[in-house]
Structures are given as structure tokens and as C-alpha cells.
N, C-alpha and C. Protein backbone atom coordinates (compact mmCIF):
# COMPACT_ATOMS: atom_id res chain seq x y z
N UNK A 1 9.09 27.09 -12.32
CA UNK A 1 10.06 26.57 -12.22
C UNK A 1 9.48 25.52 -10.42
N UNK A 2 10.40 24.27 -10.49
CA UNK A 2 10.03 23.39 -9.37
C UNK A 2 10.64 23.84 -8.51
N UNK A 3 9.78 23.56 -7.16
CA UNK A 3 10.44 23.89 -5.99
C UNK A 3 11.46 22.91 -5.45
N UNK A 4 12.18 23.56 -4.40
CA UNK A 4 13.65 22.46 -4.17
C UNK A 4 12.67 21.56 -3.16
N UNK A 5 11.62 21.33 -2.90
CA UNK A 5 11.24 20.35 -2.52
C UNK A 5 10.86 19.11 -3.64
N UNK A 6 10.42 19.55 -4.58
CA UNK A 6 10.15 18.49 -5.79
C UNK A 6 11.01 18.27 -6.87
N UNK A 7 12.50 19.16 -6.47
CA UNK A 7 13.60 18.89 -7.49
C UNK A 7 14.11 17.70 -6.16
N UNK A 8 13.82 17.61 -4.79
CA UNK A 8 14.12 16.52 -4.08
C UNK A 8 13.67 15.45 -4.23
N UNK A 9 12.44 15.08 -4.24
CA UNK A 9 11.52 14.45 -4.48
C UNK A 9 11.75 13.51 -5.94
N UNK A 10 12.22 14.65 -6.75
CA UNK A 10 12.37 14.07 -8.28
C UNK A 10 13.78 13.28 -7.96
N UNK A 11 14.96 13.57 -7.83
CA UNK A 11 16.04 13.05 -7.49
C UNK A 11 15.67 11.70 -6.91
N UNK A 12 14.64 11.85 -5.50
CA UNK A 12 15.07 10.62 -4.70
C UNK A 12 14.07 9.55 -5.84
N UNK A 13 13.43 9.94 -6.48
CA UNK A 13 12.16 9.27 -7.62
C UNK A 13 13.38 7.99 -8.53
N UNK A 14 14.36 9.07 -8.93
CA UNK A 14 14.85 8.67 -9.65
C UNK A 14 16.06 7.64 -9.55
N UNK A 15 16.34 7.07 -7.84
CA UNK A 15 16.80 6.09 -7.58
C UNK A 15 15.85 4.78 -6.97
N UNK A 16 14.71 5.26 -7.56
CA UNK A 16 13.70 4.03 -7.45
C UNK A 16 13.87 2.83 -8.52
N UNK A 17 13.77 1.90 -7.95
CA UNK A 17 13.28 0.65 -9.32
C UNK A 17 12.12 0.64 -10.03
N UNK A 18 12.08 0.77 -11.16
CA UNK A 18 11.17 0.52 -11.99
C UNK A 18 9.64 0.27 -11.51
N UNK A 19 9.67 -1.17 -10.87
CA UNK A 19 8.76 -1.40 -9.80
C UNK A 19 8.39 -0.26 -8.96
N UNK A 20 9.09 0.18 -8.48
CA UNK A 20 8.61 0.84 -6.78
C UNK A 20 8.24 2.19 -7.81
N UNK A 21 8.79 2.59 -9.02
CA UNK A 21 8.14 3.98 -9.37
C UNK A 21 6.84 3.67 -10.25
N UNK A 22 6.76 2.69 -10.62
CA UNK A 22 5.07 2.24 -11.00
C UNK A 22 4.15 2.23 -9.80
N UNK A 23 4.55 1.54 -8.38
CA UNK A 23 3.98 1.38 -7.57
C UNK A 23 3.66 2.92 -7.13
N UNK A 24 4.47 3.89 -7.09
CA UNK A 24 4.15 5.25 -6.40
C UNK A 24 3.32 6.00 -7.25
N UNK A 25 3.72 5.87 -9.18
CA UNK A 25 2.53 6.52 -9.87
C UNK A 25 1.23 6.27 -9.39
N UNK A 26 0.83 4.71 -9.22
CA UNK A 26 -0.59 4.13 -9.09
C UNK A 26 -1.05 5.19 -7.77
N UNK A 27 -0.33 5.03 -6.59
CA UNK A 27 -1.03 5.49 -5.60
C UNK A 27 -1.31 7.13 -6.05
N UNK A 28 -0.49 7.82 -6.34
CA UNK A 28 -0.43 9.44 -6.85
C UNK A 28 -1.81 9.34 -7.67
N UNK A 29 -1.89 8.50 -8.48
CA UNK A 29 -2.94 8.85 -9.51
C UNK A 29 -4.39 8.52 -8.65
N UNK A 30 -4.31 7.59 -7.76
CA UNK A 30 -5.32 7.21 -7.16
C UNK A 30 -6.17 8.16 -6.34
N UNK A 31 -4.62 8.74 -5.23
CA UNK A 31 -4.94 9.90 -4.34
C UNK A 31 -5.65 11.16 -5.66
N UNK A 32 -5.21 10.78 -6.87
CA UNK A 32 -5.86 12.28 -7.34
C UNK A 32 -7.44 11.92 -7.47
N UNK A 33 -7.59 10.91 -8.22
CA UNK A 33 -8.82 10.20 -8.28
C UNK A 33 -10.05 10.43 -6.98
N UNK A 34 -9.47 9.94 -6.03
CA UNK A 34 -10.39 10.06 -4.75
C UNK A 34 -11.58 11.38 -4.62
N UNK A 35 -10.88 12.23 -4.32
CA UNK A 35 -11.52 13.39 -4.58
C UNK A 35 -13.05 12.95 -5.45
N UNK A 36 -12.70 13.01 -6.82
CA UNK A 36 -13.63 12.92 -7.59
C UNK A 36 -14.63 11.66 -7.34
N UNK A 37 -14.02 10.33 -6.89
CA UNK A 37 -15.13 9.72 -6.73
C UNK A 37 -16.04 10.00 -5.49
N UNK A 38 -15.56 10.52 -4.28
CA UNK A 38 -15.95 11.13 -3.23
C UNK A 38 -17.59 11.96 -3.56
N UNK A 39 -16.75 12.73 -4.32
CA UNK A 39 -17.77 14.11 -4.91
C UNK A 39 -18.94 13.15 -5.82
N UNK A 40 -18.52 12.44 -6.53
CA UNK A 40 -19.93 11.38 -7.38
C UNK A 40 -20.74 11.07 -6.33
N UNK A 41 -19.94 10.21 -5.18
CA UNK A 41 -20.77 9.32 -4.43
C UNK A 41 -21.68 10.20 -3.68
N UNK A 42 -21.22 11.38 -3.33
CA UNK A 42 -22.25 12.04 -2.54
C UNK A 42 -23.27 12.62 -3.62
N UNK A 43 -22.71 12.94 -4.72
CA UNK A 43 -23.93 13.51 -5.61
C UNK A 43 -25.20 12.17 -5.62
N UNK A 44 -24.62 11.12 -5.99
CA UNK A 44 -25.46 10.07 -6.02
C UNK A 44 -26.80 9.61 -4.98
N UNK A 45 -25.78 10.05 -3.72
CA UNK A 45 -26.66 9.89 -2.65
C UNK A 45 -27.52 11.21 -2.19
N UNK A 46 -27.67 12.43 -3.34
CA UNK A 46 -27.99 13.67 -2.69
C UNK A 46 -29.71 13.69 -3.13
N UNK A 47 -30.56 13.60 -2.33
CA UNK A 47 -32.02 13.06 -2.56
C UNK A 47 -32.87 14.10 -3.94
N UNK A 48 -31.77 15.43 -4.05
CA UNK A 48 -32.78 16.49 -4.94
C UNK A 48 -31.97 15.82 -6.15
N UNK A 49 -30.80 15.26 -6.29
CA UNK A 49 -30.40 14.68 -7.56
C UNK A 49 -30.85 13.44 -7.43
N UNK A 50 -31.52 12.61 -6.89
CA UNK A 50 -32.01 11.35 -7.42
C UNK A 50 -33.50 11.67 -7.87
N UNK A 51 -33.74 13.03 -7.10
CA UNK A 51 -35.31 13.33 -7.43
C UNK A 51 -35.08 13.66 -9.09
N UNK A 52 -33.95 14.63 -9.53
CA UNK A 52 -33.80 15.05 -10.60
C UNK A 52 -33.36 13.93 -11.79
N UNK A 53 -33.20 13.11 -11.14
CA UNK A 53 -33.06 11.83 -12.07
C UNK A 53 -33.62 11.11 -12.42
N UNK A 54 -34.73 10.70 -11.60
CA UNK A 54 -36.34 10.26 -12.03
C UNK A 54 -37.21 10.81 -12.65
N UNK A 55 -37.12 12.40 -12.76
CA UNK A 55 -38.09 13.07 -13.58
C UNK A 55 -37.22 13.08 -15.11
N UNK A 56 -36.11 12.77 -15.25
CA UNK A 56 -35.55 13.04 -16.14
C UNK A 56 -35.69 11.52 -17.02
N UNK A 57 -35.92 10.61 -16.31
CA UNK A 57 -36.03 9.26 -16.67
C UNK A 57 -37.38 9.09 -17.23
N UNK A 58 -38.27 9.74 -16.95
CA UNK A 58 -40.27 9.11 -16.62
C UNK A 58 -40.39 10.33 -17.75
N UNK A 59 -39.56 11.41 -18.07
CA UNK A 59 -39.85 12.08 -19.46
C UNK A 59 -39.05 11.06 -20.07
N UNK A 60 -38.22 10.84 -20.39
CA UNK A 60 -37.58 10.21 -21.54
C UNK A 60 -38.37 8.62 -21.85
N UNK A 61 -38.46 8.24 -20.90
CA UNK A 61 -39.00 6.66 -20.65
C UNK A 61 -39.95 6.29 -22.23
N UNK A 62 -40.98 7.47 -22.51
CA UNK A 62 -41.79 6.78 -23.47
C UNK A 62 -40.89 6.61 -25.15
N UNK A 63 -39.80 7.61 -25.19
CA UNK A 63 -38.91 7.54 -26.20
C UNK A 63 -38.15 6.73 -26.18
N UNK A 64 -37.78 5.64 -25.09
CA UNK A 64 -36.68 4.84 -25.04
C UNK A 64 -36.91 3.49 -26.08
N UNK A 65 -38.05 3.01 -26.63
CA UNK A 65 -38.47 2.54 -27.65
C UNK A 65 -38.79 2.85 -29.09
N UNK A 66 -38.79 4.47 -29.00
CA UNK A 66 -38.51 4.66 -30.68
C UNK A 66 -37.41 4.32 -31.47
N UNK A 67 -38.24 3.74 -32.71
CA UNK A 67 -37.03 2.90 -33.87
C UNK A 67 -36.79 1.77 -33.56
N UNK A 68 -37.57 1.30 -32.36
CA UNK A 68 -36.89 -0.45 -32.37
C UNK A 68 -38.16 -1.09 -32.34
N UNK A 69 -38.16 -2.01 -33.29
CA UNK A 69 -39.25 -3.15 -33.41
C UNK A 69 -39.37 -3.98 -32.64
N UNK A 70 -40.36 -4.95 -31.74
CA UNK A 70 -40.38 -5.78 -30.86
C UNK A 70 -40.24 -6.94 -31.86
N UNK A 71 -40.04 -8.00 -31.39
CA UNK A 71 -39.67 -9.27 -32.13
C UNK A 71 -40.82 -10.05 -32.35
């Protein structure tokens, strides 16, 4: 069941124009994505993860050209 606060928000949204609703929806979506993006950036800058990615790339470097013919 929705809380009283959420029902108030829903009523307020009903009074918005389509343009305002789209703006609000985009803002909410951005707020939901930001923590994921921040976490990915943190992982990308982590030296341990960078070292692991380097090791993985080196491990598969020889197989990257498998099945490909040179021109």
C-alpha cells in the first residue's frame, strides 16, 4: 500500500503538464542511475581491478586473432 506521502506526490504529479512530467521522470531516472555510475567509476579507478583487467587482457591477447585471416 502506498504511503500518504506517495499519494500526495501522485496527486501533485497529476496536476503537471506532460512536459513537466517528462522532466520529472528524467530527473528521477538520473538519480536512480547515478549511484551505479559512481560505483563503476570507483571500480575503474581501483588499482586491483585495473591489474586484474590487465592480466585478463594479456591472457586472451593470443586468441584475439584466432580465426581471422590477414589481408
